[in-house]
Amino acid sequence: MTTATATAAPAGLQTGAPRRGLASKIVDRVGSGVVQVLMVLLGVFWLVPTIGLFVVSLRTVDVNNAEGWWTVFTKPAELTIKNYSDLLASGFTSSFWNTVAITVPTTILVIGIAAMAAYAFAWMEFKGRDSLFLVVVGLLIVPIQIALIPIAAMYGGMGIFGSIPGVVLFHTAFGLPFAIFLLRNFFVGIPASLLEAARMDGAPEWKIFVSVVFPLGKPAIASLGIFQFLWVWNDMLIALVFANPENQPMTKALQSQMRQFGSNIDILSSGAFLSLIIPLILFFAFQRYFVQGMMAGSVK
């Protein structure tokens, strides 16, 4: 005769399927289709101010002063590209190329230097490595504002104050701590067996970095590149302090337009959308790597 012995679950432990949250129950009741419609409506609502600004940039000053932007749906003939042509003719193009000349070298320098430093902190043994990394992490809390006057004085002595290289060097210096911290934490997750196999084959450290670590770190590097590009592209504080009028980027150019013309919304709106083009292209081009970089380390 076989007897079944029931074993009571220990106190404090749950048995059976895990309890489901309120959000999961709501999704089951209303259906995923309804949730998707709500998400689309939320996205459209979020984009309403941007759509309105875009419509304003395509209408003349008189029309914008007389009517709201939503009247475009009944009066599409009011749309024109005159604001954009006037903006480009006013010298805004030079500010655009100044922004490119500042942002692209800064992003390349930050990624290149930070990737090599992060590899050294993650996989190379040298004296004082951990202490030096703590110093790098500590630099993350240093505000940019406290360095403006000392570096401006130093730039004046070096003869690069107001130049594009001076702006690039400032952005690079203050972008490196976060970049090194981010990439180092990603690189330590690379399996050590890959690096050991490369060392056993006689590969030097620089070749291991170029052939093994850098390709595997593309998601994190792409994410860092997007963030760094956007930070520099949209910066105005450093441009106001260190860039002369002939070297001013788009943010400073738009700020000067506001100061000179006050409510010149047609120029400001069209300039804002011209400054959005390159970041949007960059984001959509590297969206796959960006998502991978954001998810890196969340799932093992």
C-alpha atoms as a PDB file:
ATOM      1  CA  MET A   1       0.000   0.000   0.000  1.00  0.00           C
ATOM      2  CA  THR A   2       1.455   3.313  -1.069  1.00  0.00           C
ATOM      3  CA  THR A   3       0.770   6.374   0.987  1.00  0.00           C
ATOM      4  CA  ALA A   4       1.076   9.897  -0.399  1.00  0.00           C
ATOM      5  CA  THR A   5       2.612  12.326   1.925  1.00  0.00           C
ATOM      6  CA  ALA A   6       1.666  15.940   1.480  1.00  0.00           C
ATOM      7  CA  THR A   7       4.380  18.377   2.274  1.00  0.00           C
ATOM      8  CA  ALA A   8       3.282  21.780   3.374  1.00  0.00           C
ATOM      9  CA  ALA A   9       4.980  24.733   1.745  1.00  0.00           C
ATOM     10  CA  PRO A  10       7.232  26.715   4.075  1.00  0.00           C
ATOM     11  CA  ALA A  11       5.750  29.866   5.493  1.00  0.00           C
ATOM     12  CA  GLY A  12       6.386  32.982   3.448  1.00  0.00           C
ATOM     13  CA  LEU A  13       6.826  31.101   0.149  1.00  0.00           C
ATOM     14  CA  GLN A  14       4.256  31.326  -2.634  1.00  0.00           C
ATOM     15  CA  THR A  15       3.286  28.272  -4.624  1.00  0.00           C
ATOM     16  CA  GLY A  16       1.732  28.014  -8.067  1.00  0.00           C
ATOM     17  CA  ALA A  17       1.762  30.703 -10.754  1.00  0.00           C
ATOM     18  CA  PRO A  18       3.099  34.118  -9.770  1.00  0.00           C
ATOM     19  CA  ARG A  19       0.605  36.840  -9.043  1.00  0.00           C
ATOM     20  CA  ARG A  20      -0.082  39.115 -11.964  1.00  0.00           C
ATOM     21  CA  GLY A  21       0.020  42.859 -11.675  1.00  0.00           C
ATOM     22  CA  LEU A  22      -2.847  45.268 -12.247  1.00  0.00           C
ATOM     23  CA  ALA A  23      -1.416  46.416 -15.584  1.00  0.00           C
ATOM     24  CA  SER A  24      -1.348  42.840 -16.938  1.00  0.00           C
ATOM     25  CA  LYS A  25      -4.955  42.284 -15.914  1.00  0.00           C
ATOM     26  CA  ILE A  26      -6.048  45.509 -17.618  1.00  0.00           C
ATOM     27  CA  VAL A  27      -4.257  44.547 -20.849  1.00  0.00           C
ATOM     28  CA  ASP A  28      -5.974  41.145 -20.834  1.00  0.00           C
ATOM     29  CA  ARG A  29      -9.386  42.694 -20.373  1.00  0.00           C
ATOM     30  CA  VAL A  30      -9.237  45.488 -22.930  1.00  0.00           C
ATOM     31  CA  GLY A  31      -7.091  43.620 -25.456  1.00  0.00           C
ATOM     32  CA  SER A  32      -3.728  44.438 -26.963  1.00  0.00           C
ATOM     33  CA  GLY A  33      -5.344  46.202 -29.935  1.00  0.00           C
ATOM     34  CA  VAL A  34      -6.908  48.836 -27.703  1.00  0.00           C
ATOM     35  CA  VAL A  35      -3.606  49.350 -25.919  1.00  0.00           C
ATOM     36  CA  GLN A  36      -1.835  49.892 -29.251  1.00  0.00           C
ATOM     37  CA  VAL A  37      -4.438  52.471 -30.290  1.00  0.00           C
ATOM     38  CA  LEU A  38      -3.977  54.285 -26.986  1.00  0.00           C
ATOM     39  CA  MET A  39      -0.211  54.302 -27.447  1.00  0.00           C
ATOM     40  CA  VAL A  40      -0.573  55.758 -30.944  1.00  0.00           C
ATOM     41  CA  LEU A  41      -2.903  58.468 -29.628  1.00  0.00           C
ATOM     42  CA  LEU A  42      -0.448  59.244 -26.835  1.00  0.00           C
ATOM     43  CA  GLY A  43       2.380  59.538 -29.366  1.00  0.00           C
ATOM     44  CA  VAL A  44       0.332  61.877 -31.576  1.00  0.00           C
ATOM     45  CA  PHE A  45      -0.570  63.998 -28.557  1.00  0.00           C
ATOM     46  CA  TRP A  46       3.107  64.176 -27.631  1.00  0.00           C
ATOM     47  CA  LEU A  47       3.979  65.351 -31.160  1.00  0.00           C
ATOM     48  CA  VAL A  48       1.318  68.087 -31.345  1.00  0.00           C
ATOM     49  CA  PRO A  49       3.669  70.928 -30.225  1.00  0.00           C
ATOM     50  CA  THR A  50       6.313  69.794 -32.716  1.00  0.00           C
ATOM     51  CA  ILE A  51       3.768  69.612 -35.521  1.00  0.00           C
ATOM     52  CA  GLY A  52       2.519  73.078 -34.632  1.00  0.00           C
ATOM     53  CA  LEU A  53       6.054  74.481 -34.674  1.00  0.00           C
ATOM     54  CA  PHE A  54       6.671  72.900 -38.073  1.00  0.00           C
ATOM     55  CA  VAL A  55       3.495  74.459 -39.489  1.00  0.00           C
ATOM     56  CA  VAL A  56       4.508  77.854 -38.083  1.00  0.00           C
ATOM     57  CA  SER A  57       7.868  77.547 -39.851  1.00  0.00           C
ATOM     58  CA  LEU A  58       6.021  77.121 -43.164  1.00  0.00           C
ATOM     59  CA  ARG A  59       3.849  80.227 -42.848  1.00  0.00           C
ATOM     60  CA  THR A  60       4.566  83.935 -43.056  1.00  0.00           C
ATOM     61  CA  VAL A  61       4.710  86.261 -40.067  1.00  0.00           C
ATOM     62  CA  ASP A  62       1.418  87.966 -40.908  1.00  0.00           C
ATOM     63  CA  VAL A  63      -0.453  84.670 -41.145  1.00  0.00           C
ATOM     64  CA  ASN A  64       1.039  83.400 -37.877  1.00  0.00           C
ATOM     65  CA  ASN A  65       0.066  86.610 -36.097  1.00  0.00           C
ATOM     66  CA  ALA A  66      -3.486  86.492 -37.449  1.00  0.00           C
ATOM     67  CA  GLU A  67      -4.364  82.799 -37.054  1.00  0.00           C
ATOM     68  CA  GLY A  68      -3.514  79.702 -35.090  1.00  0.00           C
ATOM     69  CA  TRP A  69      -1.389  77.026 -36.731  1.00  0.00           C
ATOM     70  CA  TRP A  70      -4.289  74.531 -36.770  1.00  0.00           C
ATOM     71  CA  THR A  71      -6.047  76.547 -39.501  1.00  0.00           C
ATOM     72  CA  VAL A  72      -3.573  75.039 -41.952  1.00  0.00           C
ATOM     73  CA  PHE A  73      -5.928  72.078 -42.370  1.00  0.00           C
ATOM     74  CA  THR A  74      -8.491  74.361 -43.963  1.00  0.00           C
ATOM     75  CA  LYS A  75      -6.021  76.746 -45.627  1.00  0.00           C
ATOM     76  CA  PRO A  76      -3.120  74.656 -46.966  1.00  0.00           C
ATOM     77  CA  ALA A  77      -2.346  77.306 -49.592  1.00  0.00           C
ATOM     78  CA  GLU A  78      -0.797  79.449 -46.832  1.00  0.00           C
ATOM     79  CA  LEU A  79       2.212  77.128 -46.604  1.00  0.00           C
ATOM     80  CA  THR A  80       5.468  78.422 -48.060  1.00  0.00           C
ATOM     81  CA  ILE A  81       9.194  77.722 -47.806  1.00  0.00           C
ATOM     82  CA  LYS A  82      10.087  81.422 -47.808  1.00  0.00           C
ATOM     83  CA  ASN A  83      11.167  81.303 -44.163  1.00  0.00           C
ATOM     84  CA  TYR A  84      13.716  78.589 -44.919  1.00  0.00           C
ATOM     85  CA  SER A  85      15.082  80.373 -47.984  1.00  0.00           C
ATOM     86  CA  ASP A  86      15.410  83.628 -46.024  1.00  0.00           C
ATOM     87  CA  LEU A  87      17.163  81.819 -43.193  1.00  0.00           C
ATOM     88  CA  LEU A  88      19.669  80.152 -45.504  1.00  0.00           C
ATOM     89  CA  ALA A  89      20.319  83.450 -47.247  1.00  0.00           C
ATOM     90  CA  SER A  90      21.006  85.186 -43.913  1.00  0.00           C
ATOM     91  CA  GLY A  91      24.222  83.216 -43.248  1.00  0.00           C
ATOM     92  CA  PHE A  92      22.717  80.375 -41.239  1.00  0.00           C
ATOM     93  CA  THR A  93      24.504  77.912 -43.531  1.00  0.00           C
ATOM     94  CA  SER A  94      27.884  78.894 -42.098  1.00  0.00           C
ATOM     95  CA  SER A  95      26.571  78.245 -38.589  1.00  0.00           C
ATOM     96  CA  PHE A  96      25.408  74.830 -39.728  1.00  0.00           C
ATOM     97  CA  TRP A  97      28.896  73.925 -40.980  1.00  0.00           C
ATOM     98  CA  ASN A  98      30.430  75.333 -37.803  1.00  0.00           C
ATOM     99  CA  THR A  99      28.202  72.985 -35.829  1.00  0.00           C
ATOM    100  CA  VAL A 100      29.324  70.056 -37.966  1.00  0.00           C
ATOM    101  CA  ALA A 101      32.972  71.088 -37.544  1.00  0.00           C
ATOM    102  CA  ILE A 102      32.523  71.091 -33.765  1.00  0.00           C
ATOM    103  CA  THR A 103      30.311  68.035 -33.305  1.00  0.00           C
ATOM    104  CA  VAL A 104      31.908  65.461 -35.611  1.00  0.00           C
ATOM    105  CA  PRO A 105      35.523  65.795 -34.372  1.00  0.00           C
ATOM    106  CA  THR A 106      34.348  65.888 -30.758  1.00  0.00           C
ATOM    107  CA  THR A 107      32.314  62.695 -31.161  1.00  0.00           C
ATOM    108  CA  ILE A 108      35.171  60.887 -32.916  1.00  0.00           C
ATOM    109  CA  LEU A 109      37.733  61.967 -30.311  1.00  0.00           C
ATOM    110  CA  VAL A 110      35.530  61.026 -27.369  1.00  0.00           C
ATOM    111  CA  ILE A 111      34.703  57.590 -28.788  1.00  0.00           C
ATOM    112  CA  GLY A 112      38.293  56.825 -29.793  1.00  0.00           C
ATOM    113  CA  ILE A 113      39.979  57.939 -26.577  1.00  0.00           C
ATOM    114  CA  ALA A 114      37.247  56.565 -24.306  1.00  0.00           C
ATOM    115  CA  ALA A 115      37.211  53.152 -26.021  1.00  0.00           C
ATOM    116  CA  MET A 116      40.969  52.711 -25.599  1.00  0.00           C
ATOM    117  CA  ALA A 117      40.899  53.907 -21.993  1.00  0.00           C
ATOM    118  CA  ALA A 118      37.902  51.714 -21.186  1.00  0.00           C
ATOM    119  CA  TYR A 119      39.690  48.670 -22.591  1.00  0.00           C
ATOM    120  CA  ALA A 120      42.719  49.433 -20.436  1.00  0.00           C
ATOM    121  CA  PHE A 121      40.596  49.820 -17.303  1.00  0.00           C
ATOM    122  CA  ALA A 122      38.648  46.628 -18.060  1.00  0.00           C
ATOM    123  CA  TRP A 123      41.278  44.146 -19.238  1.00  0.00           C
ATOM    124  CA  MET A 124      44.800  45.457 -18.700  1.00  0.00           C
ATOM    125  CA  GLU A 125      46.652  45.147 -15.406  1.00  0.00           C
ATOM    126  CA  PHE A 126      48.728  48.133 -14.308  1.00  0.00           C
ATOM    127  CA  LYS A 127      49.581  49.819 -11.047  1.00  0.00           C
ATOM    128  CA  GLY A 128      46.940  52.194  -9.734  1.00  0.00           C
ATOM    129  CA  ARG A 129      44.303  51.075 -12.238  1.00  0.00           C
ATOM    130  CA  ASP A 130      41.388  51.013  -9.799  1.00  0.00           C
ATOM    131  CA  SER A 131      42.407  54.280  -8.127  1.00  0.00           C
ATOM    132  CA  LEU A 132      42.710  56.017 -11.473  1.00  0.00           C
ATOM    133  CA  PHE A 133      39.283  54.712 -12.529  1.00  0.00           C
ATOM    134  CA  LEU A 134      37.787  56.116  -9.319  1.00  0.00           C
ATOM    135  CA  VAL A 135      39.273  59.490 -10.229  1.00  0.00           C
ATOM    136  CA  VAL A 136      37.619  59.264 -13.657  1.00  0.00           C
ATOM    137  CA  VAL A 137      34.281  58.407 -12.039  1.00  0.00           C
ATOM    138  CA  GLY A 138      34.719  61.310  -9.632  1.00  0.00           C
ATOM    139  CA  LEU A 139      35.093  63.696 -12.567  1.00  0.00           C
ATOM    140  CA  LEU A 140      31.475  62.918 -13.506  1.00  0.00           C
ATOM    141  CA  ILE A 141      30.260  65.168 -10.692  1.00  0.00           C
ATOM    142  CA  VAL A 142      32.395  68.176 -11.668  1.00  0.00           C
ATOM    143  CA  PRO A 143      30.074  70.909 -13.033  1.00  0.00           C
ATOM    144  CA  ILE A 144      31.026  72.453 -16.340  1.00  0.00           C
ATOM    145  CA  GLN A 145      30.330  75.930 -15.020  1.00  0.00           C
ATOM    146  CA  ILE A 146      33.233  75.966 -12.546  1.00  0.00           C
ATOM    147  CA  ALA A 147      35.716  75.331 -15.365  1.00  0.00           C
ATOM    148  CA  LEU A 148      34.535  78.050 -17.743  1.00  0.00           C
ATOM    149  CA  ILE A 149      36.605  80.951 -16.384  1.00  0.00           C
ATOM    150  CA  PRO A 150      39.869  79.032 -15.729  1.00  0.00           C
ATOM    151  CA  ILE A 151      39.786  77.354 -19.149  1.00  0.00           C
ATOM    152  CA  ALA A 152      38.858  80.629 -20.851  1.00  0.00           C
ATOM    153  CA  ALA A 153      41.932  82.215 -19.278  1.00  0.00           C
ATOM    154  CA  MET A 154      44.079  79.253 -20.345  1.00  0.00           C
ATOM    155  CA  TYR A 155      42.689  79.402 -23.894  1.00  0.00           C
ATOM    156  CA  GLY A 156      43.509  83.109 -24.016  1.00  0.00           C
ATOM    157  CA  GLY A 157      47.119  82.372 -23.149  1.00  0.00           C
ATOM    158  CA  MET A 158      47.265  79.611 -25.751  1.00  0.00           C
ATOM    159  CA  GLY A 159      45.697  81.800 -28.433  1.00  0.00           C
ATOM    160  CA  ILE A 160      42.766  79.446 -29.167  1.00  0.00           C
ATOM    161  CA  PHE A 161      39.991  81.317 -27.352  1.00  0.00           C
ATOM    162  CA  GLY A 162      36.999  81.797 -29.646  1.00  0.00           C
ATOM    163  CA  SER A 163      38.175  79.165 -32.135  1.00  0.00           C
ATOM    164  CA  ILE A 164      36.529  75.906 -33.150  1.00  0.00           C
ATOM    165  CA  PRO A 165      39.456  73.762 -31.855  1.00  0.00           C
ATOM    166  CA  GLY A 166      39.007  75.349 -28.430  1.00  0.00           C
ATOM    167  CA  VAL A 167      35.328  74.388 -28.352  1.00  0.00           C
ATOM    168  CA  VAL A 168      36.165  70.854 -29.533  1.00  0.00           C
ATOM    169  CA  LEU A 169      38.807  70.391 -26.827  1.00  0.00           C
ATOM    170  CA  PHE A 170      36.411  71.577 -24.102  1.00  0.00           C
ATOM    171  CA  HIS A 171      33.627  69.236 -25.200  1.00  0.00           C
ATOM    172  CA  THR A 172      36.074  66.344 -25.520  1.00  0.00           C
ATOM    173  CA  ALA A 173      37.531  66.839 -22.056  1.00  0.00           C
ATOM    174  CA  PHE A 174      34.154  66.954 -20.351  1.00  0.00           C
ATOM    175  CA  GLY A 175      32.705  64.131 -22.430  1.00  0.00           C
ATOM    176  CA  LEU A 176      35.438  61.615 -21.643  1.00  0.00           C
ATOM    177  CA  PRO A 177      34.596  60.708 -18.000  1.00  0.00           C
ATOM    178  CA  PHE A 178      31.087  59.494 -18.777  1.00  0.00           C
ATOM    179  CA  ALA A 179      32.221  57.829 -22.001  1.00  0.00           C
ATOM    180  CA  ILE A 180      35.005  55.903 -20.234  1.00  0.00           C
ATOM    181  CA  PHE A 181      32.650  54.886 -17.430  1.00  0.00           C
ATOM    182  CA  LEU A 182      29.981  53.647 -19.857  1.00  0.00           C
ATOM    183  CA  LEU A 183      32.299  51.702 -22.168  1.00  0.00           C
ATOM    184  CA  ARG A 184      34.354  50.185 -19.360  1.00  0.00           C
ATOM    185  CA  ASN A 185      31.221  48.734 -17.766  1.00  0.00           C
ATOM    186  CA  PHE A 186      30.264  47.257 -21.141  1.00  0.00           C
ATOM    187  CA  PHE A 187      33.714  45.866 -21.935  1.00  0.00           C
ATOM    188  CA  VAL A 188      33.991  43.964 -18.632  1.00  0.00           C
ATOM    189  CA  GLY A 189      31.002  41.897 -19.771  1.00  0.00           C
ATOM    190  CA  ILE A 190      32.921  40.502 -22.751  1.00  0.00           C
ATOM    191  CA  PRO A 191      33.859  36.847 -22.092  1.00  0.00           C
ATOM    192  CA  ALA A 192      37.451  36.610 -20.892  1.00  0.00           C
ATOM    193  CA  SER A 193      37.932  33.407 -22.881  1.00  0.00           C
ATOM    194  CA  LEU A 194      37.837  35.381 -26.145  1.00  0.00           C
ATOM    195  CA  LEU A 195      40.654  37.651 -25.051  1.00  0.00           C
ATOM    196  CA  GLU A 196      42.689  34.775 -23.617  1.00  0.00           C
ATOM    197  CA  ALA A 197      42.357  32.852 -26.875  1.00  0.00           C
ATOM    198  CA  ALA A 198      43.615  35.875 -28.798  1.00  0.00           C
ATOM    199  CA  ARG A 199      46.570  36.275 -26.426  1.00  0.00           C
ATOM    200  CA  MET A 200      47.434  32.595 -26.777  1.00  0.00           C
ATOM    201  CA  ASP A 201      47.550  33.106 -30.553  1.00  0.00           C
ATOM    202  CA  GLY A 202      50.152  35.813 -29.969  1.00  0.00           C
ATOM    203  CA  ALA A 203      47.966  38.839 -30.701  1.00  0.00           C
ATOM    204  CA  PRO A 204      49.197  42.102 -29.128  1.00  0.00           C
ATOM    205  CA  GLU A 205      46.876  44.232 -27.023  1.00  0.00           C
ATOM    206  CA  TRP A 206      46.166  46.734 -29.779  1.00  0.00           C
ATOM    207  CA  LYS A 207      45.094  43.946 -32.136  1.00  0.00           C
ATOM    208  CA  ILE A 208      42.876  42.391 -29.464  1.00  0.00           C
ATOM    209  CA  PHE A 209      41.245  45.770 -28.985  1.00  0.00           C
ATOM    210  CA  VAL A 210      40.722  46.367 -32.709  1.00  0.00           C
ATOM    211  CA  SER A 211      39.730  42.827 -33.725  1.00  0.00           C
ATOM    212  CA  VAL A 212      37.833  41.546 -30.672  1.00  0.00           C
ATOM    213  CA  VAL A 213      36.753  44.222 -28.203  1.00  0.00           C
ATOM    214  CA  PHE A 214      35.827  47.045 -30.578  1.00  0.00           C
ATOM    215  CA  PRO A 215      33.540  44.929 -32.830  1.00  0.00           C
ATOM    216  CA  LEU A 216      31.799  43.377 -29.823  1.00  0.00           C
ATOM    217  CA  GLY A 217      31.344  46.822 -28.286  1.00  0.00           C
ATOM    218  CA  LYS A 218      29.569  48.339 -31.305  1.00  0.00           C
ATOM    219  CA  PRO A 219      26.153  48.585 -29.583  1.00  0.00           C
ATOM    220  CA  ALA A 220      27.554  50.505 -26.610  1.00  0.00           C
ATOM    221  CA  ILE A 221      29.822  52.604 -28.836  1.00  0.00           C
ATOM    222  CA  ALA A 222      26.909  53.488 -31.122  1.00  0.00           C
ATOM    223  CA  SER A 223      24.760  54.492 -28.144  1.00  0.00           C
ATOM    224  CA  LEU A 224      27.577  56.617 -26.763  1.00  0.00           C
ATOM    225  CA  GLY A 225      28.116  58.192 -30.179  1.00  0.00           C
ATOM    226  CA  ILE A 226      24.460  59.183 -30.468  1.00  0.00           C
ATOM    227  CA  PHE A 227      24.380  60.675 -26.973  1.00  0.00           C
ATOM    228  CA  GLN A 228      27.653  62.545 -27.435  1.00  0.00           C
ATOM    229  CA  PHE A 229      26.612  63.848 -30.847  1.00  0.00           C
ATOM    230  CA  LEU A 230      23.309  65.166 -29.510  1.00  0.00           C
ATOM    231  CA  TRP A 231      24.913  66.761 -26.439  1.00  0.00           C
ATOM    232  CA  VAL A 232      27.405  68.707 -28.531  1.00  0.00           C
ATOM    233  CA  TRP A 233      24.979  69.450 -31.386  1.00  0.00           C
ATOM    234  CA  ASN A 234      22.423  71.007 -29.016  1.00  0.00           C
ATOM    235  CA  ASP A 235      24.888  72.770 -26.715  1.00  0.00           C
ATOM    236  CA  MET A 236      24.682  76.515 -26.333  1.00  0.00           C
ATOM    237  CA  LEU A 237      26.512  77.299 -23.074  1.00  0.00           C
ATOM    238  CA  ILE A 238      29.984  76.338 -24.323  1.00  0.00           C
ATOM    239  CA  ALA A 239      29.302  78.043 -27.649  1.00  0.00           C
ATOM    240  CA  LEU A 240      28.286  81.278 -25.916  1.00  0.00           C
ATOM    241  CA  VAL A 241      31.520  81.343 -23.912  1.00  0.00           C
ATOM    242  CA  PHE A 242      34.152  79.969 -26.280  1.00  0.00           C
ATOM    243  CA  ALA A 243      32.937  80.591 -29.854  1.00  0.00           C
ATOM    244  CA  ASN A 244      33.461  83.873 -31.680  1.00  0.00           C
ATOM    245  CA  PRO A 245      30.652  85.183 -33.947  1.00  0.00           C
ATOM    246  CA  GLU A 246      32.388  83.836 -37.059  1.00  0.00           C
ATOM    247  CA  ASN A 247      32.689  80.390 -35.450  1.00  0.00           C
ATOM    248  CA  GLN A 248      29.283  80.259 -33.777  1.00  0.00           C
ATOM    249  CA  PRO A 249      27.184  77.074 -34.116  1.00  0.00           C
ATOM    250  CA  MET A 250      23.477  76.995 -34.884  1.00  0.00           C
ATOM    251  CA  THR A 251      22.346  77.230 -31.261  1.00  0.00           C
ATOM    252  CA  LYS A 252      24.213  80.503 -30.765  1.00  0.00           C
ATOM    253  CA  ALA A 253      23.022  81.776 -34.148  1.00  0.00           C
ATOM    254  CA  LEU A 254      19.398  81.119 -33.205  1.00  0.00           C
ATOM    255  CA  GLN A 255      19.936  82.776 -29.840  1.00  0.00           C
ATOM    256  CA  SER A 256      21.299  85.875 -31.543  1.00  0.00           C
ATOM    257  CA  GLN A 257      18.250  85.954 -33.830  1.00  0.00           C
ATOM    258  CA  MET A 258      16.008  85.966 -30.776  1.00  0.00           C
ATOM    259  CA  ARG A 259      17.978  88.778 -29.200  1.00  0.00           C
ATOM    260  CA  GLN A 260      17.908  90.933 -32.313  1.00  0.00           C
ATOM    261  CA  PHE A 261      14.341  90.420 -33.493  1.00  0.00           C
ATOM    262  CA  GLY A 262      12.493  89.419 -30.325  1.00  0.00           C
ATOM    263  CA  SER A 263       9.391  87.558 -31.520  1.00  0.00           C
ATOM    264  CA  ASN A 264      10.817  86.492 -34.876  1.00  0.00           C
ATOM    265  CA  ILE A 265       9.117  83.113 -34.590  1.00  0.00           C
ATOM    266  CA  ASP A 266       9.251  82.384 -38.319  1.00  0.00           C
ATOM    267  CA  ILE A 267      13.066  82.470 -38.317  1.00  0.00           C
ATOM    268  CA  LEU A 268      13.391  80.630 -35.003  1.00  0.00           C
ATOM    269  CA  SER A 269      10.986  77.849 -35.957  1.00  0.00           C
ATOM    270  CA  SER A 270      12.590  77.204 -39.330  1.00  0.00           C
ATOM    271  CA  GLY A 271      16.056  77.279 -37.772  1.00  0.00           C
ATOM    272  CA  ALA A 272      14.978  74.823 -35.105  1.00  0.00           C
ATOM    273  CA  PHE A 273      13.773  72.343 -37.708  1.00  0.00           C
ATOM    274  CA  LEU A 274      16.910  72.704 -39.799  1.00  0.00           C
ATOM    275  CA  SER A 275      18.929  71.840 -36.694  1.00  0.00           C
ATOM    276  CA  LEU A 276      16.774  68.708 -36.186  1.00  0.00           C
ATOM    277  CA  ILE A 277      17.530  67.119 -39.550  1.00  0.00           C
ATOM    278  CA  ILE A 278      20.986  65.684 -38.868  1.00  0.00           C
ATOM    279  CA  PRO A 279      20.221  64.288 -35.359  1.00  0.00           C
ATOM    280  CA  LEU A 280      17.096  62.555 -36.700  1.00  0.00           C
ATOM    281  CA  ILE A 281      19.035  60.993 -39.581  1.00  0.00           C
ATOM    282  CA  LEU A 282      21.736  59.833 -37.175  1.00  0.00           C
ATOM    283  CA  PHE A 283      19.249  58.319 -34.741  1.00  0.00           C
ATOM    284  CA  PHE A 284      17.293  56.374 -37.345  1.00  0.00           C
ATOM    285  CA  ALA A 285      20.491  55.206 -39.046  1.00  0.00           C
ATOM    286  CA  PHE A 286      21.875  53.750 -35.800  1.00  0.00           C
ATOM    287  CA  GLN A 287      18.589  52.899 -34.098  1.00  0.00           C
ATOM    288  CA  ARG A 288      19.317  49.159 -34.065  1.00  0.00           C
ATOM    289  CA  TYR A 289      22.656  49.635 -32.330  1.00  0.00           C
ATOM    290  CA  PHE A 290      21.141  52.203 -29.984  1.00  0.00           C
ATOM    291  CA  VAL A 291      18.498  49.761 -28.739  1.00  0.00           C
ATOM    292  CA  GLN A 292      21.093  47.003 -28.355  1.00  0.00           C
ATOM    293  CA  GLY A 293      23.307  49.326 -26.363  1.00  0.00           C
ATOM    294  CA  MET A 294      20.454  50.309 -24.050  1.00  0.00           C
ATOM    295  CA  MET A 295      19.605  46.643 -23.457  1.00  0.00           C
ATOM    296  CA  ALA A 296      23.228  45.560 -22.981  1.00  0.00           C
ATOM    297  CA  GLY A 297      23.767  44.169 -19.530  1.00  0.00           C
ATOM    298  CA  SER A 298      20.066  44.001 -18.663  1.00  0.00           C
ATOM    299  CA  VAL A 299      19.803  40.321 -19.657  1.00  0.00           C
ATOM    300  CA  LYS A 300      22.488  37.728 -19.040  1.00  0.00           C
END
